[in-house]
Amino acid sequence: MLTDIIDVSKEMKLTKENFSVKALASSATEGVLRLYPDCVVTTIFDLESESHVGADREKVARVISNLTENAIQAMGERGTLRLAVKDVIEDGKPAVEISIGNDGPVTTRSTQIDAVWTPDFSHKVSAESQPIGF
């Protein structure tokens, strides 16, 4: 039944296009917030970048949405969510930096910071939880 829902036969392809990171980050975050109508979250947007990047728009939106949703869940659907997008220089080349943060629990050394980058990391303890996606 699962293979009927998910077509695993297709090769994963990146679709590179130019888009505004500022617009995508803002819309992806607002889309996640609509999934939590009862949450009490103050959102602070610091969107100073006007840059357009060439990347897979859908995959970048998915990463921003995953991080935003995990931030909301980590703070118990109450608190402050910060989203910043700014232009930076990385290895002498122009780049865009996206930062998502919250005032929820802090990941400490006891959480093993390296584990945050594994595909199955989650602050949640329930068996039905979804991992953070980077």
N, C-alpha and C. Protein backbone atom coordinates (compact mmCIF):
# COMPACT_ATOMS: atom_id res chain seq x y z
N MET A 1 0.81 -1.18 0.00
CA MET A 1 0.00 0.00 0.00
C MET A 1 0.86 1.26 0.00
N LEU A 2 1.97 1.25 0.74
CA LEU A 2 2.85 2.41 0.80
C LEU A 2 3.46 2.71 -0.56
N THR A 3 3.82 1.69 -1.31
CA THR A 3 4.40 1.93 -2.63
C THR A 3 3.38 2.50 -3.60
N ASP A 4 2.09 2.31 -3.33
CA ASP A 4 1.06 2.94 -4.16
C ASP A 4 1.02 4.45 -3.91
N ILE A 5 1.32 4.84 -2.68
CA ILE A 5 1.27 6.25 -2.31
C ILE A 5 2.56 6.98 -2.72
N ILE A 6 3.67 6.33 -2.48
CA ILE A 6 4.97 6.93 -2.77
C ILE A 6 5.60 6.21 -3.95
N ASP A 7 5.90 6.96 -4.99
CA ASP A 7 6.55 6.38 -6.16
C ASP A 7 8.05 6.40 -5.92
N VAL A 8 8.60 5.27 -5.49
CA VAL A 8 10.03 5.19 -5.21
C VAL A 8 10.84 4.85 -6.44
N SER A 9 10.19 4.64 -7.56
CA SER A 9 10.91 4.27 -8.77
C SER A 9 11.56 5.47 -9.44
N LYS A 10 11.08 6.68 -9.15
CA LYS A 10 11.62 7.87 -9.77
C LYS A 10 12.97 8.23 -9.17
N GLU A 11 13.86 8.63 -10.04
CA GLU A 11 15.16 9.10 -9.60
C GLU A 11 14.99 10.50 -9.01
N MET A 12 15.65 10.75 -7.89
CA MET A 12 15.55 12.07 -7.28
C MET A 12 16.35 13.04 -8.14
N LYS A 13 15.69 14.09 -8.59
CA LYS A 13 16.35 15.09 -9.41
C LYS A 13 16.18 16.45 -8.76
N LEU A 14 17.24 17.23 -8.84
CA LEU A 14 17.16 18.59 -8.35
C LEU A 14 16.68 19.48 -9.49
N THR A 15 15.76 20.36 -9.19
CA THR A 15 15.26 21.31 -10.17
C THR A 15 15.79 22.68 -9.77
N LYS A 16 16.84 23.11 -10.43
CA LYS A 16 17.48 24.37 -10.08
C LYS A 16 16.76 25.53 -10.77
N GLU A 17 16.39 26.53 -9.95
CA GLU A 17 15.76 27.74 -10.49
C GLU A 17 16.18 28.91 -9.63
N ASN A 18 16.08 30.10 -10.16
CA ASN A 18 16.38 31.31 -9.40
C ASN A 18 15.13 31.77 -8.67
N PHE A 19 15.28 32.09 -7.38
CA PHE A 19 14.15 32.57 -6.59
C PHE A 19 14.65 33.44 -5.46
N SER A 20 13.75 34.24 -4.91
CA SER A 20 14.06 35.10 -3.78
C SER A 20 14.03 34.28 -2.50
N VAL A 21 15.16 34.23 -1.81
CA VAL A 21 15.22 33.49 -0.54
C VAL A 21 14.33 34.17 0.50
N LYS A 22 14.30 35.48 0.48
CA LYS A 22 13.47 36.25 1.42
C LYS A 22 12.00 35.86 1.28
N ALA A 23 11.50 35.84 0.06
CA ALA A 23 10.09 35.50 -0.17
C ALA A 23 9.81 34.04 0.19
N LEU A 24 10.72 33.14 -0.19
CA LEU A 24 10.51 31.72 0.10
C LEU A 24 10.53 31.46 1.60
N ALA A 25 11.51 32.02 2.31
CA ALA A 25 11.61 31.80 3.76
C ALA A 25 10.38 32.32 4.48
N SER A 26 9.92 33.48 4.08
CA SER A 26 8.74 34.07 4.70
C SER A 26 7.50 33.23 4.45
N SER A 27 7.28 32.82 3.20
CA SER A 27 6.07 32.04 2.89
C SER A 27 6.11 30.65 3.49
N ALA A 28 7.30 30.01 3.52
CA ALA A 28 7.40 28.67 4.12
C ALA A 28 7.11 28.73 5.61
N THR A 29 7.63 29.74 6.29
CA THR A 29 7.40 29.89 7.73
C THR A 29 5.93 30.17 8.02
N GLU A 30 5.34 31.08 7.26
CA GLU A 30 3.93 31.40 7.46
C GLU A 30 3.04 30.19 7.16
N GLY A 31 3.44 29.36 6.18
CA GLY A 31 2.69 28.15 5.87
C GLY A 31 2.68 27.17 7.04
N VAL A 32 3.81 27.03 7.72
CA VAL A 32 3.88 26.14 8.89
C VAL A 32 3.04 26.71 10.03
N LEU A 33 3.11 28.02 10.24
CA LEU A 33 2.34 28.63 11.32
C LEU A 33 0.84 28.41 11.14
N ARG A 34 0.37 28.34 9.89
CA ARG A 34 -1.06 28.08 9.63
C ARG A 34 -1.45 26.67 10.08
N LEU A 35 -0.49 25.76 10.18
CA LEU A 35 -0.78 24.40 10.65
C LEU A 35 -0.99 24.34 12.16
N TYR A 36 -0.63 25.41 12.85
CA TYR A 36 -0.74 25.48 14.31
C TYR A 36 -1.61 26.68 14.70
N PRO A 37 -2.90 26.63 14.40
CA PRO A 37 -3.76 27.80 14.65
C PRO A 37 -3.88 28.18 16.13
N ASP A 38 -3.66 27.23 17.02
CA ASP A 38 -3.81 27.51 18.46
C ASP A 38 -2.50 27.88 19.13
N CYS A 39 -1.39 27.87 18.39
CA CYS A 39 -0.11 28.19 19.02
C CYS A 39 -0.03 29.69 19.29
N VAL A 40 0.71 30.01 20.32
CA VAL A 40 0.92 31.40 20.70
C VAL A 40 2.39 31.70 20.46
N VAL A 41 2.70 32.06 19.22
CA VAL A 41 4.08 32.28 18.82
C VAL A 41 4.22 33.69 18.27
N THR A 42 5.17 34.42 18.82
CA THR A 42 5.54 35.72 18.26
C THR A 42 6.62 35.45 17.22
N THR A 43 6.42 35.96 16.02
CA THR A 43 7.38 35.74 14.94
C THR A 43 8.13 37.02 14.66
N ILE A 44 9.45 36.93 14.68
CA ILE A 44 10.30 38.07 14.36
C ILE A 44 11.00 37.77 13.04
N PHE A 45 10.70 38.54 12.02
CA PHE A 45 11.34 38.38 10.72
C PHE A 45 12.42 39.45 10.56
N ASP A 46 13.62 39.03 10.22
CA ASP A 46 14.72 39.94 9.91
C ASP A 46 15.17 39.56 8.51
N LEU A 47 14.48 40.10 7.52
CA LEU A 47 14.67 39.67 6.13
C LEU A 47 15.35 40.77 5.34
N GLU A 48 16.67 40.90 5.54
CA GLU A 48 17.37 41.98 4.88
C GLU A 48 17.92 41.59 3.51
N SER A 49 17.92 40.34 3.16
CA SER A 49 18.47 39.89 1.88
C SER A 49 17.49 40.16 0.74
N GLU A 50 18.01 40.68 -0.33
CA GLU A 50 17.22 40.84 -1.55
C GLU A 50 17.74 39.89 -2.63
N SER A 51 18.63 38.98 -2.24
CA SER A 51 19.27 38.10 -3.21
C SER A 51 18.34 37.02 -3.74
N HIS A 52 18.63 36.63 -4.95
CA HIS A 52 18.00 35.47 -5.56
C HIS A 52 19.08 34.40 -5.67
N VAL A 53 18.73 33.17 -5.43
CA VAL A 53 19.70 32.08 -5.51
C VAL A 53 19.24 31.06 -6.55
N GLY A 54 20.18 30.30 -7.04
CA GLY A 54 19.87 29.21 -7.95
C GLY A 54 19.94 27.91 -7.18
N ALA A 55 18.79 27.35 -6.86
CA ALA A 55 18.72 26.12 -6.06
C ALA A 55 17.39 25.44 -6.34
N ASP A 56 17.19 24.28 -5.71
CA ASP A 56 15.92 23.58 -5.83
C ASP A 56 14.95 24.22 -4.84
N ARG A 57 14.02 25.01 -5.36
CA ARG A 57 13.09 25.78 -4.54
C ARG A 57 12.30 24.89 -3.58
N GLU A 58 11.80 23.77 -4.07
CA GLU A 58 10.98 22.88 -3.25
C GLU A 58 11.77 22.29 -2.09
N LYS A 59 13.01 21.91 -2.34
CA LYS A 59 13.81 21.30 -1.28
C LYS A 59 14.23 22.34 -0.24
N VAL A 60 14.56 23.54 -0.67
CA VAL A 60 14.90 24.60 0.28
C VAL A 60 13.67 24.94 1.13
N ALA A 61 12.51 25.02 0.50
CA ALA A 61 11.27 25.29 1.26
C ALA A 61 10.99 24.18 2.27
N ARG A 62 11.26 22.94 1.89
CA ARG A 62 11.02 21.81 2.79
C ARG A 62 11.94 21.89 4.01
N VAL A 63 13.21 22.25 3.81
CA VAL A 63 14.14 22.37 4.93
C VAL A 63 13.70 23.49 5.86
N ILE A 64 13.33 24.64 5.29
CA ILE A 64 12.88 25.76 6.12
C ILE A 64 11.61 25.38 6.88
N SER A 65 10.69 24.70 6.22
CA SER A 65 9.45 24.28 6.88
C SER A 65 9.73 23.28 8.00
N ASN A 66 10.62 22.31 7.76
CA ASN A 66 10.97 21.33 8.79
C ASN A 66 11.59 22.00 10.01
N LEU A 67 12.53 22.91 9.77
CA LEU A 67 13.19 23.59 10.89
C LEU A 67 12.20 24.48 11.65
N THR A 68 11.33 25.15 10.92
CA THR A 68 10.32 26.00 11.56
C THR A 68 9.37 25.17 12.42
N GLU A 69 8.90 24.06 11.86
CA GLU A 69 7.98 23.21 12.62
C GLU A 69 8.64 22.63 13.86
N ASN A 70 9.89 22.21 13.73
CA ASN A 70 10.60 21.69 14.89
C ASN A 70 10.83 22.77 15.94
N ALA A 71 11.09 23.99 15.50
CA ALA A 71 11.27 25.08 16.45
C ALA A 71 9.98 25.34 17.22
N ILE A 72 8.85 25.34 16.51
CA ILE A 72 7.55 25.56 17.15
C ILE A 72 7.26 24.45 18.16
N GLN A 73 7.51 23.21 17.77
CA GLN A 73 7.25 22.08 18.66
C GLN A 73 8.20 22.07 19.85
N ALA A 74 9.46 22.46 19.63
CA ALA A 74 10.45 22.46 20.71
C ALA A 74 10.10 23.46 21.80
N MET A 75 9.42 24.54 21.44
CA MET A 75 9.06 25.53 22.46
C MET A 75 7.64 25.35 22.97
N GLY A 76 7.04 24.19 22.66
CA GLY A 76 5.72 23.89 23.19
C GLY A 76 4.62 24.75 22.61
N GLU A 77 4.82 25.19 21.37
CA GLU A 77 3.85 26.02 20.65
C GLU A 77 3.59 27.35 21.35
N ARG A 78 4.56 27.78 22.18
CA ARG A 78 4.46 29.08 22.84
C ARG A 78 5.87 29.66 22.89
N GLY A 79 6.00 30.91 22.50
CA GLY A 79 7.31 31.54 22.58
C GLY A 79 7.58 32.45 21.39
N THR A 80 8.86 32.63 21.12
CA THR A 80 9.28 33.52 20.06
C THR A 80 10.07 32.75 19.01
N LEU A 81 9.68 32.92 17.77
CA LEU A 81 10.35 32.30 16.63
C LEU A 81 11.04 33.40 15.85
N ARG A 82 12.33 33.21 15.55
CA ARG A 82 13.07 34.21 14.79
C ARG A 82 13.52 33.61 13.46
N LEU A 83 13.31 34.37 12.40
CA LEU A 83 13.75 33.96 11.07
C LEU A 83 14.55 35.12 10.49
N ALA A 84 15.80 34.84 10.14
CA ALA A 84 16.66 35.87 9.56
C ALA A 84 17.21 35.37 8.23
N VAL A 85 17.23 36.25 7.26
CA VAL A 85 17.82 35.96 5.95
C VAL A 85 18.72 37.14 5.62
N LYS A 86 20.01 36.88 5.41
CA LYS A 86 20.91 37.99 5.09
C LYS A 86 21.95 37.57 4.06
N ASP A 87 22.46 38.56 3.36
CA ASP A 87 23.51 38.34 2.39
C ASP A 87 24.85 38.26 3.11
N VAL A 88 25.67 37.30 2.73
CA VAL A 88 27.00 37.13 3.32
C VAL A 88 28.00 36.83 2.21
N ILE A 89 29.26 36.85 2.56
CA ILE A 89 30.32 36.43 1.65
C ILE A 89 30.91 35.14 2.22
N GLU A 90 30.88 34.10 1.44
CA GLU A 90 31.37 32.78 1.86
C GLU A 90 32.46 32.35 0.87
N ASP A 91 33.67 32.16 1.36
CA ASP A 91 34.80 31.80 0.50
C ASP A 91 34.97 32.79 -0.66
N GLY A 92 34.77 34.07 -0.36
CA GLY A 92 34.95 35.11 -1.35
C GLY A 92 33.82 35.25 -2.35
N LYS A 93 32.74 34.49 -2.16
CA LYS A 93 31.61 34.53 -3.09
C LYS A 93 30.35 34.96 -2.35
N PRO A 94 29.45 35.68 -3.07
CA PRO A 94 28.19 36.07 -2.41
C PRO A 94 27.33 34.84 -2.11
N ALA A 95 26.71 34.87 -0.94
CA ALA A 95 25.84 33.76 -0.50
C ALA A 95 24.71 34.34 0.34
N VAL A 96 23.77 33.49 0.67
CA VAL A 96 22.65 33.90 1.52
C VAL A 96 22.64 32.99 2.73
N GLU A 97 22.48 33.57 3.91
CA GLU A 97 22.43 32.83 5.16
C GLU A 97 21.02 32.87 5.72
N ILE A 98 20.48 31.70 6.06
CA ILE A 98 19.15 31.60 6.66
C ILE A 98 19.33 31.11 8.09
N SER A 99 18.74 31.83 9.05
CA SER A 99 18.80 31.43 10.45
C SER A 99 17.39 31.31 10.99
N ILE A 100 17.14 30.20 11.67
CA ILE A 100 15.85 29.98 12.32
C ILE A 100 16.15 29.65 13.78
N GLY A 101 15.51 30.35 14.69
CA GLY A 101 15.76 30.11 16.10
C GLY A 101 14.49 30.27 16.91
N ASN A 102 14.55 29.81 18.15
CA ASN A 102 13.42 29.95 19.06
C ASN A 102 13.93 30.12 20.48
N ASP A 103 13.02 30.41 21.38
CA ASP A 103 13.42 30.55 22.78
C ASP A 103 13.01 29.32 23.58
N GLY A 104 12.99 28.18 22.91
CA GLY A 104 12.66 26.92 23.56
C GLY A 104 13.88 26.29 24.21
N PRO A 105 13.82 24.98 24.46
CA PRO A 105 14.92 24.30 25.14
C PRO A 105 16.21 24.37 24.33
N VAL A 106 17.30 24.44 25.04
CA VAL A 106 18.62 24.53 24.41
C VAL A 106 19.18 23.13 24.22
N THR A 107 19.79 22.91 23.05
CA THR A 107 20.50 21.65 22.82
C THR A 107 21.85 21.77 23.49
N THR A 108 22.09 20.93 24.47
CA THR A 108 23.33 20.99 25.23
C THR A 108 24.28 19.89 24.80
N ARG A 109 25.47 19.91 25.36
CA ARG A 109 26.44 18.85 25.08
C ARG A 109 25.86 17.48 25.44
N SER A 110 25.01 17.45 26.45
CA SER A 110 24.43 16.16 26.84
C SER A 110 23.51 15.61 25.76
N THR A 111 23.03 16.49 24.88
CA THR A 111 22.20 16.04 23.76
C THR A 111 23.10 15.56 22.62
N GLN A 112 24.40 15.76 22.78
CA GLN A 112 25.37 15.41 21.75
C GLN A 112 25.08 16.18 20.47
N ILE A 113 25.64 17.37 20.41
CA ILE A 113 25.38 18.28 19.31
C ILE A 113 25.59 17.62 17.95
N ASP A 114 26.56 16.72 17.82
CA ASP A 114 26.77 16.04 16.54
C ASP A 114 25.53 15.26 16.12
N ALA A 115 24.75 14.78 17.09
CA ALA A 115 23.55 13.99 16.77
C ALA A 115 22.48 14.83 16.08
N VAL A 116 22.52 16.16 16.26
CA VAL A 116 21.53 17.03 15.63
C VAL A 116 21.57 16.88 14.11
N TRP A 117 22.72 16.55 13.56
CA TRP A 117 22.88 16.48 12.11
C TRP A 117 22.55 15.12 11.54
N THR A 118 22.15 14.18 12.36
CA THR A 118 21.76 12.88 11.85
C THR A 118 20.30 12.93 11.39
N PRO A 119 19.93 12.11 10.40
CA PRO A 119 18.58 12.19 9.84
C PRO A 119 17.45 11.88 10.82
N ASP A 120 17.74 11.16 11.91
CA ASP A 120 16.66 10.75 12.80
C ASP A 120 16.65 11.51 14.13
N PHE A 121 17.36 12.63 14.23
CA PHE A 121 17.39 13.39 15.47
C PHE A 121 16.04 14.05 15.72
N SER A 122 15.60 14.04 16.96
CA SER A 122 14.36 14.72 17.34
C SER A 122 14.40 15.02 18.83
N HIS A 123 13.84 16.17 19.23
CA HIS A 123 13.67 16.47 20.65
C HIS A 123 12.49 15.72 21.21
N LYS A 124 11.61 15.26 20.33
CA LYS A 124 10.38 14.60 20.77
C LYS A 124 10.67 13.17 21.20
N VAL A 125 9.89 12.67 22.13
CA VAL A 125 10.11 11.32 22.63
C VAL A 125 9.03 10.35 22.18
N SER A 126 7.98 10.84 21.58
CA SER A 126 6.89 9.97 21.18
C SER A 126 7.28 9.11 19.98
N ALA A 127 6.73 7.93 19.90
CA ALA A 127 7.02 7.01 18.79
C ALA A 127 6.50 7.55 17.47
N GLU A 128 5.54 8.46 17.51
CA GLU A 128 4.97 9.00 16.28
C GLU A 128 5.67 10.27 15.82
N SER A 129 6.72 10.69 16.50
CA SER A 129 7.37 11.94 16.16
C SER A 129 8.12 11.84 14.84
N GLN A 130 8.26 12.98 14.21
CA GLN A 130 9.02 13.10 12.97
C GLN A 130 10.38 13.71 13.30
N PRO A 131 11.43 13.24 12.69
CA PRO A 131 12.75 13.79 12.97
C PRO A 131 12.97 15.14 12.31
N ILE A 132 13.95 15.85 12.78
CA ILE A 132 14.35 17.10 12.14
C ILE A 132 14.97 16.76 10.79
N GLY A 133 14.67 17.53 9.79
CA GLY A 133 15.24 17.30 8.47
C GLY A 133 16.17 18.43 8.06
N PHE A 134 17.44 18.13 7.83
CA PHE A 134 18.38 19.14 7.40
C PHE A 134 18.72 18.90 5.94
